[in-house]
Structure formats: C-alpha cells, structure tokens
Amino acid sequence: MASTRVDPETAPAAAEAPRCRDVPLPSAHGLAWDQAAGRACIACNRQLTTGAVYRGRVFGEQGVHNLDADVWCCPDPVT
C-alpha cells in the first residue's frame, strides 16, 4: 500500500500559492455587486471582515453611468 504522507521538503508551501493581493485587478465591468461595494474580495469573492487590504480603484463606464469602484482583497493568511 502506498504512503499518503506528504514530504514537507518537496511539497509546495502555502506561501507559494497565489495570494489574493497578487491577483491583477479586473475591469469594473466584471465585478459582482458585493465586490464593487467593497464587501467581497476582488480575487476570490469571499465576504470580507476585518483586516481587508485596499487594492486600489478600478475604472469603467457604461454609457453615461460611472462604474468606478474602490476594491479590496482578503488579508494574508496567518501562518
């Protein structure tokens, strides 16, 4: 029977996984309501609570309607 134990020397570290703050900002056209309102992470769409990280402002317009929004992402996981 094969072992299912993961060798920590060869396994990818959790820190190597892409963080929400490293994901490029999308355009304002593709945002969900909660993302545009600053209530959800811009990368993974999880609900934000304390420790959210400000990512900047995304810009967009549709006709005469301004779609600009301040966007936030999840904080780095505690290790």
Protein backbone atom coordinates (compact mmCIF):
# COMPACT_ATOMS: atom_id res chain seq x y z
CA MET A 1 0.00 0.00 0.00
CA ALA A 2 1.41 3.40 -0.99
CA SER A 3 2.04 6.03 1.65
CA THR A 4 -0.08 9.18 1.55
CA ARG A 5 2.31 11.16 3.72
CA VAL A 6 3.44 14.46 2.17
CA ASP A 7 7.14 15.25 2.36
CA PRO A 8 7.46 18.89 3.57
CA GLU A 9 10.75 19.26 1.68
CA THR A 10 9.19 18.63 -1.73
CA ALA A 11 5.59 19.79 -1.15
CA PRO A 12 4.73 23.32 -2.30
CA ALA A 13 4.45 25.69 0.63
CA ALA A 14 1.22 27.55 1.33
CA ALA A 15 3.16 30.79 0.96
CA GLU A 16 3.89 29.88 -2.68
CA ALA A 17 0.19 29.74 -3.53
CA PRO A 18 -1.05 32.94 -5.20
CA ARG A 19 -2.37 35.40 -2.66
CA CYS A 20 -5.50 37.44 -3.27
CA ARG A 21 -3.44 40.64 -3.12
CA ASP A 22 -1.25 39.40 -6.00
CA VAL A 23 -4.10 38.83 -8.47
CA PRO A 24 -4.29 41.55 -11.17
CA LEU A 25 -7.19 43.97 -10.89
CA PRO A 26 -10.10 43.29 -13.26
CA SER A 27 -12.07 45.95 -15.06
CA ALA A 28 -15.08 47.43 -13.33
CA HIS A 29 -17.38 45.70 -15.86
CA GLY A 30 -16.82 42.21 -14.45
CA LEU A 31 -17.37 42.96 -10.77
CA ALA A 32 -20.11 41.35 -8.70
CA TRP A 33 -22.28 43.71 -6.65
CA ASP A 34 -20.52 42.81 -3.39
CA GLN A 35 -17.08 43.30 -4.95
CA ALA A 36 -18.00 46.73 -6.30
CA ALA A 37 -19.44 47.72 -2.92
CA GLY A 38 -16.28 46.62 -1.08
CA ARG A 39 -17.96 43.76 0.78
CA ALA A 40 -16.29 40.88 -1.09
CA CYS A 41 -12.72 40.03 -2.10
CA ILE A 42 -11.80 41.18 -5.59
CA ALA A 43 -9.93 37.90 -6.29
CA CYS A 44 -11.86 35.08 -4.61
CA ASN A 45 -15.26 36.75 -3.94
CA ARG A 46 -15.25 35.70 -0.26
CA GLN A 47 -17.01 38.03 2.17
CA LEU A 48 -14.59 40.48 3.80
CA THR A 49 -14.49 41.18 7.50
CA THR A 50 -11.60 42.67 9.46
CA GLY A 51 -8.13 43.09 8.01
CA ALA A 52 -9.19 43.64 4.37
CA VAL A 53 -6.42 45.05 2.16
CA TYR A 54 -7.15 48.04 -0.08
CA ARG A 55 -6.12 47.20 -3.66
CA GLY A 56 -6.97 50.41 -5.44
CA ARG A 57 -9.60 51.74 -7.78
CA VAL A 58 -10.95 50.12 -10.94
CA PHE A 59 -12.47 52.25 -13.65
CA GLY A 60 -15.27 51.74 -16.10
CA GLU A 61 -18.31 53.30 -17.60
CA GLN A 62 -21.36 52.14 -19.48
CA GLY A 63 -22.89 54.94 -21.46
CA VAL A 64 -23.30 57.83 -19.06
CA HIS A 65 -23.06 55.57 -15.98
CA ASN A 66 -19.85 55.64 -13.96
CA LEU A 67 -18.81 52.15 -12.78
CA ASP A 68 -15.64 53.19 -10.87
CA ALA A 69 -15.16 51.31 -7.59
CA ASP A 70 -12.67 51.01 -4.75
CA VAL A 71 -11.72 47.34 -4.44
CA TRP A 72 -10.45 45.27 -1.52
CA CYS A 73 -9.00 41.80 -1.04
CA CYS A 74 -8.51 39.20 1.69
CA PRO A 75 -5.71 39.67 4.19
CA ASP A 76 -2.74 37.31 4.06
CA PRO A 77 -3.42 34.06 5.93
CA VAL A 78 -1.92 33.79 9.39
CA THR A 79 0.82 31.18 9.49
